[in-house]
Structures are given as C-alpha cells and as structure tokens.
Amino acid sequence: MTRIRLRWLSSFALLPFILTLSGCLQSEAADRKYYIVEAKREGGPTAVHSDATLRVRRFNVDEAYATRQLVYRIEEFRYESDYYHQFLVLPGLMITEKTRDWLADSGLFGRVSSVGSRLESTYMLEGNVIKLYGDFTDKSAPVAVMEIRFFLLAGADANETVALSQTYKAASPVSDRTAEAVVESLSKSLAEILAHLEADLQKALAASTDSTKRPGP
C-alpha cells in the first residue's frame, strides 16, 4: 500500500509541471503564423507547343534556406531564422508548385506534369533555389532576395541535351519590417524570375523547333 500511495503522490506532484509544459507548447503553436509565396501569372497564354510535354522536378534548395522558417539577413555575415513565422510547406515544394502552375498557364507546353506523372516527357525542368531571404543589411531599404538556377533538359526521356541553363536573381523592396511584408516581396521576386524564365523558355523552344524543321545536308 505504501508503494502505491507514493506512486500516486509522485504523479500528482508532477501534474502541475506537465500542465504548465503543455500550456507553453500550445501557446507557442498558437503564436506561430504560416505563409505561402504566391506568383500568379497575368495575361493570356502564349503560342502553344502542343506536341511538347514538360515535366517539372521538385526543386532543390541550398541548405541554408531549406527550412520552413523565414530567414533574414541582418548583417553581412549574420543571418537569423524566424521560429514564429514559417512557410506552410517546405520552400522547395512550394516554389516547384508555383513554377509548374505558371508554366501550365503560359501555354508554352501542351502538358505540364510532375515527376510522378506517367506521361512521357519531351522536356524536363530542374531548379535549384540558391537564395531565399529578407535582406535587412541596409536598414533604410530592405529587400526580399530570391535566386534560382534552372536547367531545361530536352530529348527522349528528357536527359539528352541541355536546352537552357540560366540563373535568375530578383530583389524586391520590402515595405515594412514584418514577416508579411517579406513574404509579399518574395512573391514579387518569384513572379519576376518566372516571367524571365518564361521568356527564355519561349526562345529556347522556338530555336529547338527551327532546328528540327531545317532540311538535312
């Protein structure tokens, strides 16, 4: 009986600590806010290459930014991550999906699919997010920085030749020193990058079409 009572007393003694810890965890979870970078394409589709299928692979993200927490550059060599303000999904997946949607709306390809699709692809798009942060090193003019390197692979199974290799960087002004303002500006940076990517893809596809139409020697 004595051992049983001691166990009950120990349990009751720990109960306030457990309740306090649970309350703290719930409070921290309630204080966190989640965001999604948006990049909506304006205008109608361009000329459709109806026989081309593009497969978009999930983008890689440099390790420093491969986190759901927003990252801020405070000084030249000093960065901070924001535990209370996070992306809703991992940035690699989020930016891949926005790129896929943008290119599907562009009309450059007859079909735009993901890696899991069973459609045979004519082209494969790969991406590497090199930079993704709010830059507050210039306190009077903060910017949201995004840099992405793209590769367009062409040919059967989309692994024969590199049709396009290009890196794009955008730095959009941040209107306020808040997480919401940083995400809004990151969205503008992504839209700027995707607009440049679309223009270069259109040129690469036109060059590829012209080369296939040229008569042989």
C-alpha atoms as a PDB file:
ATOM      1  CA  MET A   1       0.000   0.000   0.000  1.00  0.00           C
ATOM      2  CA  THR A   2       2.818   2.417   0.842  1.00  0.00           C
ATOM      3  CA  ARG A   3       4.433   1.979  -2.594  1.00  0.00           C
ATOM      4  CA  ILE A   4       1.102   2.553  -4.360  1.00  0.00           C
ATOM      5  CA  ARG A   5       0.480   5.743  -2.364  1.00  0.00           C
ATOM      6  CA  LEU A   6       3.968   7.031  -3.124  1.00  0.00           C
ATOM      7  CA  ARG A   7       3.434   6.467  -6.845  1.00  0.00           C
ATOM      8  CA  TRP A   8       0.136   8.369  -6.728  1.00  0.00           C
ATOM      9  CA  LEU A   9       1.767  11.196  -4.779  1.00  0.00           C
ATOM     10  CA  SER A  10       4.605  11.374  -7.340  1.00  0.00           C
ATOM     11  CA  SER A  11       2.097  11.542 -10.177  1.00  0.00           C
ATOM     12  CA  PHE A  12       0.162  14.370  -8.549  1.00  0.00           C
ATOM     13  CA  ALA A  13       3.395  16.213  -7.788  1.00  0.00           C
ATOM     14  CA  LEU A  14       4.355  16.123 -11.490  1.00  0.00           C
ATOM     15  CA  LEU A  15       0.889  17.123 -12.696  1.00  0.00           C
ATOM     16  CA  PRO A  16       1.368  20.942 -12.378  1.00  0.00           C
ATOM     17  CA  PHE A  17       4.677  20.717 -14.300  1.00  0.00           C
ATOM     18  CA  ILE A  18       3.082  18.658 -17.072  1.00  0.00           C
ATOM     19  CA  LEU A  19       0.131  21.041 -17.359  1.00  0.00           C
ATOM     20  CA  THR A  20       2.462  24.058 -17.426  1.00  0.00           C
ATOM     21  CA  LEU A  21       4.637  22.488 -20.150  1.00  0.00           C
ATOM     22  CA  SER A  22       1.576  21.564 -22.184  1.00  0.00           C
ATOM     23  CA  GLY A  23       0.273  25.115 -21.873  1.00  0.00           C
ATOM     24  CA  CYS A  24       3.583  26.564 -23.040  1.00  0.00           C
ATOM     25  CA  LEU A  25       3.694  24.281 -26.084  1.00  0.00           C
ATOM     26  CA  GLN A  26       0.113  25.163 -27.004  1.00  0.00           C
ATOM     27  CA  SER A  27       0.878  28.860 -26.579  1.00  0.00           C
ATOM     28  CA  GLU A  28       3.957  28.640 -28.847  1.00  0.00           C
ATOM     29  CA  ALA A  29       1.971  26.764 -31.507  1.00  0.00           C
ATOM     30  CA  ALA A  30      -0.791  29.378 -31.348  1.00  0.00           C
ATOM     31  CA  ASP A  31       1.735  32.198 -31.741  1.00  0.00           C
ATOM     32  CA  ARG A  32       3.226  30.758 -34.946  1.00  0.00           C
ATOM     33  CA  LYS A  33       1.993  32.120 -38.270  1.00  0.00           C
ATOM     34  CA  TYR A  34       2.243  30.415 -41.651  1.00  0.00           C
ATOM     35  CA  TYR A  35       2.676  31.839 -45.152  1.00  0.00           C
ATOM     36  CA  ILE A  36       2.720  30.807 -48.804  1.00  0.00           C
ATOM     37  CA  VAL A  37       4.684  32.569 -51.528  1.00  0.00           C
ATOM     38  CA  GLU A  38       2.330  33.344 -54.418  1.00  0.00           C
ATOM     39  CA  ALA A  39       3.219  34.014 -58.055  1.00  0.00           C
ATOM     40  CA  LYS A  40       0.212  34.479 -60.293  1.00  0.00           C
ATOM     41  CA  ARG A  41       0.783  34.921 -63.987  1.00  0.00           C
ATOM     42  CA  GLU A  42      -1.049  37.835 -65.603  1.00  0.00           C
ATOM     43  CA  GLY A  43      -2.379  37.789 -69.148  1.00  0.00           C
ATOM     44  CA  GLY A  44      -3.322  35.028 -71.561  1.00  0.00           C
ATOM     45  CA  PRO A  45      -1.241  32.111 -72.818  1.00  0.00           C
ATOM     46  CA  THR A  46       1.435  32.465 -75.475  1.00  0.00           C
ATOM     47  CA  ALA A  47       1.720  30.254 -78.572  1.00  0.00           C
ATOM     48  CA  VAL A  48       1.168  26.624 -77.632  1.00  0.00           C
ATOM     49  CA  HIS A  49       3.716  23.939 -78.490  1.00  0.00           C
ATOM     50  CA  SER A  50       1.030  21.255 -78.386  1.00  0.00           C
ATOM     51  CA  ASP A  51       3.402  18.362 -79.002  1.00  0.00           C
ATOM     52  CA  ALA A  52       5.672  19.223 -76.077  1.00  0.00           C
ATOM     53  CA  THR A  53       5.277  17.819 -72.582  1.00  0.00           C
ATOM     54  CA  LEU A  54       7.209  19.409 -69.722  1.00  0.00           C
ATOM     55  CA  ARG A  55       7.967  17.519 -66.538  1.00  0.00           C
ATOM     56  CA  VAL A  56       8.931  19.692 -63.562  1.00  0.00           C
ATOM     57  CA  ARG A  57      11.115  18.014 -60.978  1.00  0.00           C
ATOM     58  CA  ARG A  58      10.988  19.088 -57.350  1.00  0.00           C
ATOM     59  CA  PHE A  59      13.500  21.894 -56.875  1.00  0.00           C
ATOM     60  CA  ASN A  60      16.489  21.615 -54.582  1.00  0.00           C
ATOM     61  CA  VAL A  61      17.115  24.360 -52.021  1.00  0.00           C
ATOM     62  CA  ASP A  62      20.524  25.321 -50.675  1.00  0.00           C
ATOM     63  CA  GLU A  63      20.866  24.027 -47.125  1.00  0.00           C
ATOM     64  CA  ALA A  64      20.899  27.489 -45.525  1.00  0.00           C
ATOM     65  CA  TYR A  65      17.351  28.132 -46.770  1.00  0.00           C
ATOM     66  CA  ALA A  66      15.919  24.589 -46.777  1.00  0.00           C
ATOM     67  CA  THR A  67      13.687  25.336 -43.797  1.00  0.00           C
ATOM     68  CA  ARG A  68      10.098  26.395 -43.304  1.00  0.00           C
ATOM     69  CA  GLN A  69      11.239  29.232 -41.039  1.00  0.00           C
ATOM     70  CA  LEU A  70      11.670  32.616 -42.703  1.00  0.00           C
ATOM     71  CA  VAL A  71      15.326  33.642 -42.943  1.00  0.00           C
ATOM     72  CA  TYR A  72      16.585  37.207 -42.500  1.00  0.00           C
ATOM     73  CA  ARG A  73      19.998  38.602 -43.325  1.00  0.00           C
ATOM     74  CA  ILE A  74      20.815  41.022 -40.505  1.00  0.00           C
ATOM     75  CA  GLU A  75      24.460  41.842 -41.260  1.00  0.00           C
ATOM     76  CA  GLU A  76      26.896  40.876 -43.997  1.00  0.00           C
ATOM     77  CA  PHE A  77      27.709  37.519 -42.394  1.00  0.00           C
ATOM     78  CA  ARG A  78      24.867  37.241 -39.882  1.00  0.00           C
ATOM     79  CA  TYR A  79      21.541  35.543 -40.548  1.00  0.00           C
ATOM     80  CA  GLU A  80      18.556  34.715 -38.346  1.00  0.00           C
ATOM     81  CA  SER A  81      15.650  32.304 -38.764  1.00  0.00           C
ATOM     82  CA  ASP A  82      12.157  33.180 -37.529  1.00  0.00           C
ATOM     83  CA  TYR A  83      10.580  30.407 -35.448  1.00  0.00           C
ATOM     84  CA  TYR A  84       7.233  32.206 -35.172  1.00  0.00           C
ATOM     85  CA  HIS A  85       6.831  32.956 -38.899  1.00  0.00           C
ATOM     86  CA  GLN A  86       7.115  29.984 -41.233  1.00  0.00           C
ATOM     87  CA  PHE A  87       6.204  28.791 -44.703  1.00  0.00           C
ATOM     88  CA  LEU A  88       3.216  26.465 -44.686  1.00  0.00           C
ATOM     89  CA  VAL A  89       5.191  23.891 -46.715  1.00  0.00           C
ATOM     90  CA  LEU A  90       8.877  23.424 -47.419  1.00  0.00           C
ATOM     91  CA  PRO A  91      10.159  26.089 -49.844  1.00  0.00           C
ATOM     92  CA  GLY A  92      11.409  23.583 -52.440  1.00  0.00           C
ATOM     93  CA  LEU A  93       7.968  22.043 -52.847  1.00  0.00           C
ATOM     94  CA  MET A  94       6.194  25.407 -52.685  1.00  0.00           C
ATOM     95  CA  ILE A  95       8.321  27.090 -55.367  1.00  0.00           C
ATOM     96  CA  THR A  96       8.155  23.997 -57.581  1.00  0.00           C
ATOM     97  CA  GLU A  97       4.354  24.033 -57.494  1.00  0.00           C
ATOM     98  CA  LYS A  98       4.183  27.757 -58.267  1.00  0.00           C
ATOM     99  CA  THR A  99       6.577  27.302 -61.193  1.00  0.00           C
ATOM    100  CA  ARG A 100       4.560  24.374 -62.531  1.00  0.00           C
ATOM    101  CA  ASP A 101       1.310  26.370 -62.331  1.00  0.00           C
ATOM    102  CA  TRP A 102       2.911  29.400 -64.001  1.00  0.00           C
ATOM    103  CA  LEU A 103       4.260  27.380 -66.942  1.00  0.00           C
ATOM    104  CA  ALA A 104       0.979  25.474 -67.313  1.00  0.00           C
ATOM    105  CA  ASP A 105      -0.808  28.841 -67.677  1.00  0.00           C
ATOM    106  CA  SER A 106       1.832  30.147 -70.099  1.00  0.00           C
ATOM    107  CA  GLY A 107       0.723  27.877 -72.951  1.00  0.00           C
ATOM    108  CA  LEU A 108       4.314  27.131 -73.960  1.00  0.00           C
ATOM    109  CA  PHE A 109       3.701  23.409 -73.490  1.00  0.00           C
ATOM    110  CA  GLY A 110       0.792  21.201 -74.340  1.00  0.00           C
ATOM    111  CA  ARG A 111       1.090  19.480 -70.966  1.00  0.00           C
ATOM    112  CA  VAL A 112       2.966  20.289 -67.762  1.00  0.00           C
ATOM    113  CA  SER A 113       3.321  17.430 -65.311  1.00  0.00           C
ATOM    114  CA  SER A 114       5.037  16.488 -62.075  1.00  0.00           C
ATOM    115  CA  VAL A 115       7.656  13.792 -61.565  1.00  0.00           C
ATOM    116  CA  GLY A 116       5.066  11.251 -60.502  1.00  0.00           C
ATOM    117  CA  SER A 117       3.146  11.549 -63.772  1.00  0.00           C
ATOM    118  CA  ARG A 118       3.160   8.632 -66.218  1.00  0.00           C
ATOM    119  CA  LEU A 119       3.149  10.986 -69.205  1.00  0.00           C
ATOM    120  CA  GLU A 120       6.219  10.688 -71.391  1.00  0.00           C
ATOM    121  CA  SER A 121       8.064  13.990 -71.252  1.00  0.00           C
ATOM    122  CA  THR A 122       9.629  15.932 -74.105  1.00  0.00           C
ATOM    123  CA  TYR A 123      11.405  18.292 -71.705  1.00  0.00           C
ATOM    124  CA  MET A 124      12.478  18.191 -68.070  1.00  0.00           C
ATOM    125  CA  LEU A 125      12.859  21.303 -65.902  1.00  0.00           C
ATOM    126  CA  GLU A 126      15.158  21.241 -62.886  1.00  0.00           C
ATOM    127  CA  GLY A 127      15.731  24.047 -60.419  1.00  0.00           C
ATOM    128  CA  ASN A 128      17.983  24.962 -57.522  1.00  0.00           C
ATOM    129  CA  VAL A 129      16.938  27.735 -55.126  1.00  0.00           C
ATOM    130  CA  ILE A 130      20.220  29.434 -54.247  1.00  0.00           C
ATOM    131  CA  LYS A 131      18.961  32.352 -52.141  1.00  0.00           C
ATOM    132  CA  LEU A 132      15.708  32.939 -50.254  1.00  0.00           C
ATOM    133  CA  TYR A 133      15.682  35.558 -47.514  1.00  0.00           C
ATOM    134  CA  GLY A 134      14.720  39.025 -46.353  1.00  0.00           C
ATOM    135  CA  ASP A 135      17.770  41.290 -46.516  1.00  0.00           C
ATOM    136  CA  PHE A 136      17.881  43.957 -43.787  1.00  0.00           C
ATOM    137  CA  THR A 137      21.556  44.843 -44.060  1.00  0.00           C
ATOM    138  CA  ASP A 138      20.501  48.225 -45.456  1.00  0.00           C
ATOM    139  CA  LYS A 139      18.000  49.293 -42.808  1.00  0.00           C
ATOM    140  CA  SER A 140      16.706  52.127 -44.959  1.00  0.00           C
ATOM    141  CA  ALA A 141      15.997  49.887 -47.977  1.00  0.00           C
ATOM    142  CA  PRO A 142      15.330  46.240 -47.063  1.00  0.00           C
ATOM    143  CA  VAL A 143      14.666  43.790 -49.905  1.00  0.00           C
ATOM    144  CA  ALA A 144      13.403  40.227 -50.362  1.00  0.00           C
ATOM    145  CA  VAL A 145      16.022  38.226 -52.256  1.00  0.00           C
ATOM    146  CA  MET A 146      15.412  35.124 -54.352  1.00  0.00           C
ATOM    147  CA  GLU A 147      17.816  33.438 -56.741  1.00  0.00           C
ATOM    148  CA  ILE A 148      17.094  30.278 -58.744  1.00  0.00           C
ATOM    149  CA  ARG A 149      19.198  28.304 -61.222  1.00  0.00           C
ATOM    150  CA  PHE A 150      17.186  26.465 -63.908  1.00  0.00           C
ATOM    151  CA  PHE A 151      18.082  23.687 -66.329  1.00  0.00           C
ATOM    152  CA  LEU A 152      15.832  22.659 -69.222  1.00  0.00           C
ATOM    153  CA  LEU A 153      16.724  19.177 -70.488  1.00  0.00           C
ATOM    154  CA  ALA A 154      15.491  18.166 -73.942  1.00  0.00           C
ATOM    155  CA  GLY A 155      15.162  14.897 -75.827  1.00  0.00           C
ATOM    156  CA  ALA A 156      13.828  11.402 -75.282  1.00  0.00           C
ATOM    157  CA  ASP A 157      13.365  10.827 -71.535  1.00  0.00           C
ATOM    158  CA  ALA A 158      14.402  14.473 -71.177  1.00  0.00           C
ATOM    159  CA  ASN A 159      18.015  13.655 -70.365  1.00  0.00           C
ATOM    160  CA  GLU A 160      19.937  14.060 -73.615  1.00  0.00           C
ATOM    161  CA  THR A 161      20.834  17.731 -74.044  1.00  0.00           C
ATOM    162  CA  VAL A 162      20.696  20.956 -72.054  1.00  0.00           C
ATOM    163  CA  ALA A 163      18.378  23.294 -73.968  1.00  0.00           C
ATOM    164  CA  LEU A 164      18.593  26.081 -71.375  1.00  0.00           C
ATOM    165  CA  SER A 165      20.822  26.843 -68.396  1.00  0.00           C
ATOM    166  CA  GLN A 166      20.145  30.129 -66.689  1.00  0.00           C
ATOM    167  CA  THR A 167      20.263  31.742 -63.247  1.00  0.00           C
ATOM    168  CA  TYR A 168      17.840  34.489 -62.260  1.00  0.00           C
ATOM    169  CA  LYS A 169      18.005  36.773 -59.240  1.00  0.00           C
ATOM    170  CA  ALA A 170      15.409  39.267 -58.022  1.00  0.00           C
ATOM    171  CA  ALA A 171      15.426  41.659 -55.055  1.00  0.00           C
ATOM    172  CA  SER A 172      12.065  43.290 -54.366  1.00  0.00           C
ATOM    173  CA  PRO A 173      11.718  46.199 -51.899  1.00  0.00           C
ATOM    174  CA  VAL A 174      10.143  45.342 -48.537  1.00  0.00           C
ATOM    175  CA  SER A 175       7.588  47.929 -47.459  1.00  0.00           C
ATOM    176  CA  ASP A 176       7.660  47.142 -43.733  1.00  0.00           C
ATOM    177  CA  ARG A 177       9.807  45.275 -41.228  1.00  0.00           C
ATOM    178  CA  THR A 178       7.277  42.455 -40.834  1.00  0.00           C
ATOM    179  CA  ALA A 179       7.118  38.837 -41.944  1.00  0.00           C
ATOM    180  CA  GLU A 180       4.020  39.563 -44.006  1.00  0.00           C
ATOM    181  CA  ALA A 181       5.857  42.265 -45.942  1.00  0.00           C
ATOM    182  CA  VAL A 182       8.824  39.945 -46.551  1.00  0.00           C
ATOM    183  CA  VAL A 183       6.595  37.175 -47.937  1.00  0.00           C
ATOM    184  CA  GLU A 184       4.729  39.647 -50.135  1.00  0.00           C
ATOM    185  CA  SER A 185       8.029  40.845 -51.600  1.00  0.00           C
ATOM    186  CA  LEU A 186       9.316  37.281 -52.022  1.00  0.00           C
ATOM    187  CA  SER A 187       6.172  36.646 -54.078  1.00  0.00           C
ATOM    188  CA  LYS A 188       7.062  39.598 -56.300  1.00  0.00           C
ATOM    189  CA  SER A 189      10.624  38.306 -56.670  1.00  0.00           C
ATOM    190  CA  LEU A 190       9.368  34.866 -57.706  1.00  0.00           C
ATOM    191  CA  ALA A 191       6.949  36.371 -60.238  1.00  0.00           C
ATOM    192  CA  GLU A 192       9.788  38.422 -61.732  1.00  0.00           C
ATOM    193  CA  ILE A 193      12.007  35.345 -62.009  1.00  0.00           C
ATOM    194  CA  LEU A 194       9.267  33.230 -63.603  1.00  0.00           C
ATOM    195  CA  ALA A 195       8.488  35.963 -66.143  1.00  0.00           C
ATOM    196  CA  HIS A 196      12.147  35.946 -67.233  1.00  0.00           C
ATOM    197  CA  LEU A 197      12.186  32.152 -67.280  1.00  0.00           C
ATOM    198  CA  GLU A 198       9.083  32.033 -69.466  1.00  0.00           C
ATOM    199  CA  ALA A 199      10.589  34.473 -71.962  1.00  0.00           C
ATOM    200  CA  ASP A 200      13.811  32.463 -72.201  1.00  0.00           C
ATOM    201  CA  LEU A 201      11.922  29.167 -72.483  1.00  0.00           C
ATOM    202  CA  GLN A 202       9.931  30.589 -75.379  1.00  0.00           C
ATOM    203  CA  LYS A 203      13.182  31.464 -77.170  1.00  0.00           C
ATOM    204  CA  ALA A 204      14.686  28.041 -76.431  1.00  0.00           C
ATOM    205  CA  LEU A 205      11.591  26.242 -77.718  1.00  0.00           C
ATOM    206  CA  ALA A 206      11.496  28.395 -80.857  1.00  0.00           C
ATOM    207  CA  ALA A 207      15.166  27.626 -81.539  1.00  0.00           C
ATOM    208  CA  SER A 208      14.540  23.918 -80.998  1.00  0.00           C
ATOM    209  CA  THR A 209      11.558  23.963 -83.383  1.00  0.00           C
ATOM    210  CA  ASP A 210      13.526  25.799 -86.055  1.00  0.00           C
ATOM    211  CA  SER A 211      16.387  23.314 -85.859  1.00  0.00           C
ATOM    212  CA  THR A 212      14.068  20.340 -86.360  1.00  0.00           C
ATOM    213  CA  LYS A 213      12.461  21.976 -89.415  1.00  0.00           C
ATOM    214  CA  ARG A 214      15.762  22.621 -91.204  1.00  0.00           C
ATOM    215  CA  PRO A 215      16.403  20.187 -94.058  1.00  0.00           C
ATOM    216  CA  GLY A 216      19.358  17.864 -93.711  1.00  0.00           C
ATOM    217  CA  PRO A 217      22.506  18.198 -95.838  1.00  0.00           C
END
